Protein backbone atom coordinates (compact mmCIF):
# COMPACT_ATOMS: atom_id res chain seq x y z
CA MET A 1 0.00 0.00 0.00
CA VAL A 2 2.72 2.47 0.98
CA ARG A 3 4.76 1.48 -2.06
CA SER A 4 1.82 2.19 -4.38
CA ILE A 5 1.31 5.61 -2.81
CA LEU A 6 4.99 6.48 -3.14
CA VAL A 7 5.06 5.26 -6.74
CA GLY A 8 1.99 7.38 -7.53
CA ILE A 9 3.45 10.50 -5.92
CA GLY A 10 6.78 9.96 -7.65
CA ALA A 11 5.08 9.47 -11.01
CA ALA A 12 2.98 12.62 -10.54
CA ILE A 13 6.15 14.59 -9.80
CA LEU A 14 7.83 12.98 -12.82
CA SER A 15 4.97 14.03 -15.10
CA TRP A 16 5.28 17.65 -13.94
CA VAL A 17 9.06 17.61 -14.36
CA LEU A 18 8.68 16.22 -17.88
CA LEU A 19 6.11 18.91 -18.67
CA CYS A 20 8.47 21.65 -17.43
CA LEU A 21 11.40 20.24 -19.40
CA SER A 22 9.29 20.00 -22.55
CA ILE A 23 8.17 23.62 -22.18
CA VAL A 24 11.78 24.77 -21.80
CA ALA A 25 12.79 22.72 -24.85
CA TRP A 26 9.84 24.06 -26.86
CA LEU A 27 10.71 27.66 -25.99
CA SER A 28 14.37 27.10 -26.85
CA VAL A 29 14.07 25.18 -30.09
CA THR A 30 10.94 26.01 -32.06
CA GLN A 31 10.09 29.12 -34.04
CA SER A 32 6.81 29.52 -32.19
CA GLY A 33 8.73 29.26 -28.91
CA HIS A 34 11.01 32.07 -30.08
CA PHE A 35 7.94 34.16 -30.84
CA VAL A 36 6.53 33.55 -27.35
CA ARG A 37 9.87 33.94 -25.54
CA ASP A 38 11.25 37.13 -27.10
CA PRO A 39 9.44 40.35 -26.07
CA GLN A 40 11.18 42.36 -28.81
CA VAL A 41 9.50 40.18 -31.42
CA ARG A 42 6.08 40.47 -29.80
CA ASN A 43 6.35 44.28 -29.59
CA LYS A 44 6.69 44.65 -33.36
CA ASP A 45 3.66 45.57 -35.39
CA TYR A 46 1.47 42.82 -36.80
CA ALA A 47 2.59 43.26 -40.42
CA THR A 48 6.28 42.88 -39.53
CA ILE A 49 5.58 39.80 -37.43
CA GLN A 50 3.51 38.28 -40.20
CA ARG A 51 6.23 38.96 -42.76
CA GLU A 52 9.05 37.49 -40.61
CA TYR A 53 7.28 34.60 -38.85
CA GLY A 54 3.98 34.09 -40.60
CA ASP A 55 0.66 34.35 -38.84
CA PRO A 56 1.36 34.54 -35.07
CA PHE A 57 -1.89 32.78 -34.22
CA GLU A 58 -0.94 29.91 -36.53
CA LEU A 59 2.46 29.72 -34.79
CA LEU A 60 0.81 29.35 -31.40
CA ASN A 61 -1.74 26.83 -32.71
CA ARG A 62 1.07 24.80 -34.25
CA GLY A 63 2.83 24.66 -30.88
CA LYS A 64 -0.42 23.61 -29.20
CA ARG A 65 -0.95 20.82 -31.73
CA GLN A 66 2.63 19.62 -31.23
CA TYR A 67 1.97 19.32 -27.52
CA GLU A 68 -1.39 17.60 -27.93
CA LEU A 69 -0.19 15.06 -30.49
CA VAL A 70 3.40 14.39 -29.42
CA VAL A 71 4.43 15.72 -26.01
CA PHE A 72 1.46 14.82 -23.81
CA PRO A 73 1.23 11.23 -25.12
CA LEU A 74 4.99 10.86 -24.54
CA ILE A 75 4.64 12.16 -20.99
CA SER A 76 1.80 9.68 -20.42
CA ILE A 77 3.84 6.78 -21.81
CA ILE A 78 7.02 7.63 -19.87
CA THR A 79 5.12 8.13 -16.62
CA ALA A 80 3.20 4.89 -17.12
CA ALA A 81 6.38 2.98 -17.95
CA VAL A 82 8.00 4.18 -14.73
CA VAL A 83 4.90 3.15 -12.77
CA GLY A 84 4.91 -0.23 -14.52
CA LEU A 85 8.57 -0.78 -13.67
CA THR A 86 8.34 0.27 -10.02
CA GLY A 87 4.79 -0.67 -9.01
CA LYS A 88 3.59 -4.07 -7.87
CA VAL A 89 -0.20 -4.00 -7.91
CA ARG A 90 -2.77 -2.05 -9.93
CA THR A 91 -0.09 -0.27 -11.94
CA GLY A 92 -2.60 0.90 -14.53
CA TRP A 93 -4.75 2.69 -11.98
CA THR A 94 -1.68 4.09 -10.24
CA ALA A 95 -0.53 5.57 -13.55
CA VAL A 96 -3.96 7.11 -14.15
CA VAL A 97 -4.03 8.64 -10.66
CA ALA A 98 -0.47 9.93 -11.13
CA LEU A 99 -1.58 11.76 -14.29
CA LEU A 100 -4.64 13.38 -12.66
CA PRO A 101 -2.89 16.64 -11.65
CA LEU A 102 -1.40 17.08 -15.12
CA GLN A 103 -4.73 16.34 -16.79
CA ALA A 104 -6.56 18.75 -14.46
CA PHE A 105 -4.09 21.43 -15.54
CA LEU A 106 -4.70 20.59 -19.20
CA LEU A 107 -8.48 20.70 -18.71
CA LEU A 108 -8.18 24.13 -17.10
CA ALA A 109 -5.97 25.31 -19.97
CA GLY A 110 -8.47 23.93 -22.49
CA SER A 111 -11.41 25.71 -20.81
CA PHE A 112 -13.11 22.35 -20.17
CA ALA A 113 -13.96 21.95 -23.86
CA LEU A 114 -15.18 18.59 -25.11
CA GLY A 115 -11.94 18.03 -27.02
CA ALA A 116 -9.93 18.50 -23.82
CA PHE A 117 -12.00 15.80 -22.09
CA VAL A 118 -11.55 13.42 -25.02
CA ARG A 119 -7.78 13.97 -25.06
CA ALA A 120 -7.58 13.48 -21.29
CA PHE A 121 -9.50 10.22 -21.61
CA VAL A 122 -7.17 9.03 -24.39
CA TYR A 123 -4.09 9.93 -22.33
CA PHE A 124 -5.55 8.03 -19.35
CA LEU A 125 -6.21 4.96 -21.50
CA LEU A 126 -2.71 5.16 -22.92
CA ALA A 127 -1.20 5.37 -19.43
CA TYR A 128 -3.37 2.57 -18.06
CA PHE A 129 -2.54 0.07 -20.78
CA CYS A 130 1.13 1.06 -20.99
CA ALA A 131 1.67 0.62 -17.23
CA SER A 132 -0.20 -2.69 -17.21
CA LYS A 133 1.77 -3.97 -20.20
CA VAL A 134 5.15 -2.93 -18.77
CA ARG A 135 4.32 -4.62 -15.48
CA SER A 136 3.22 -7.82 -17.18
CA MET A 137 6.36 -7.81 -19.34
CA ARG A 138 8.50 -7.23 -16.24
CA THR A 139 6.96 -9.99 -14.14
CA GLY A 140 5.75 -12.34 -16.84
CA ALA A 141 2.36 -12.50 -15.13
CA PRO A 142 -0.95 -10.93 -16.16
CA PRO A 143 -1.79 -7.67 -14.41
CA LYS A 144 -3.54 -7.99 -11.07
CA THR A 145 -7.10 -6.75 -10.93
CA ALA A 146 -9.25 -5.93 -7.95
CA SER A 147 -10.92 -9.36 -8.07
CA SER A 148 -7.64 -11.29 -8.21
CA THR A 149 -6.10 -9.50 -5.21
CA ALA A 150 -9.09 -9.93 -2.88
């Protein structure tokens, strides 16, 4: 019981650390990150920005799509793999609970739109099945369910 709690807390911290590292990398590497990061660029008039960078709204939407389609699923998979490697019982549910704070943040950022709920559900499913699969590969046994541990 204590081990599952510690694994869940550690995985939740890991998901936030991965999110912070991905934001730093995004701001450092991408063109849309440069647009967001540099105040001198943002203070230019709209025509100059559009000529140098393209449509600024499209830049920001492109960064958002990159996060939704690449970064958040990777964070879910990495967090679930760590839970699957370190957890003993109910690793799928532990991974889902570990991702709850990150998904709550994403729902708040997405203004609780239907698409944000669908993405959160997909990330939860991805984490659940990834953690269960990693645990079963590690132990060679099928994942324990609530009925098999009672």
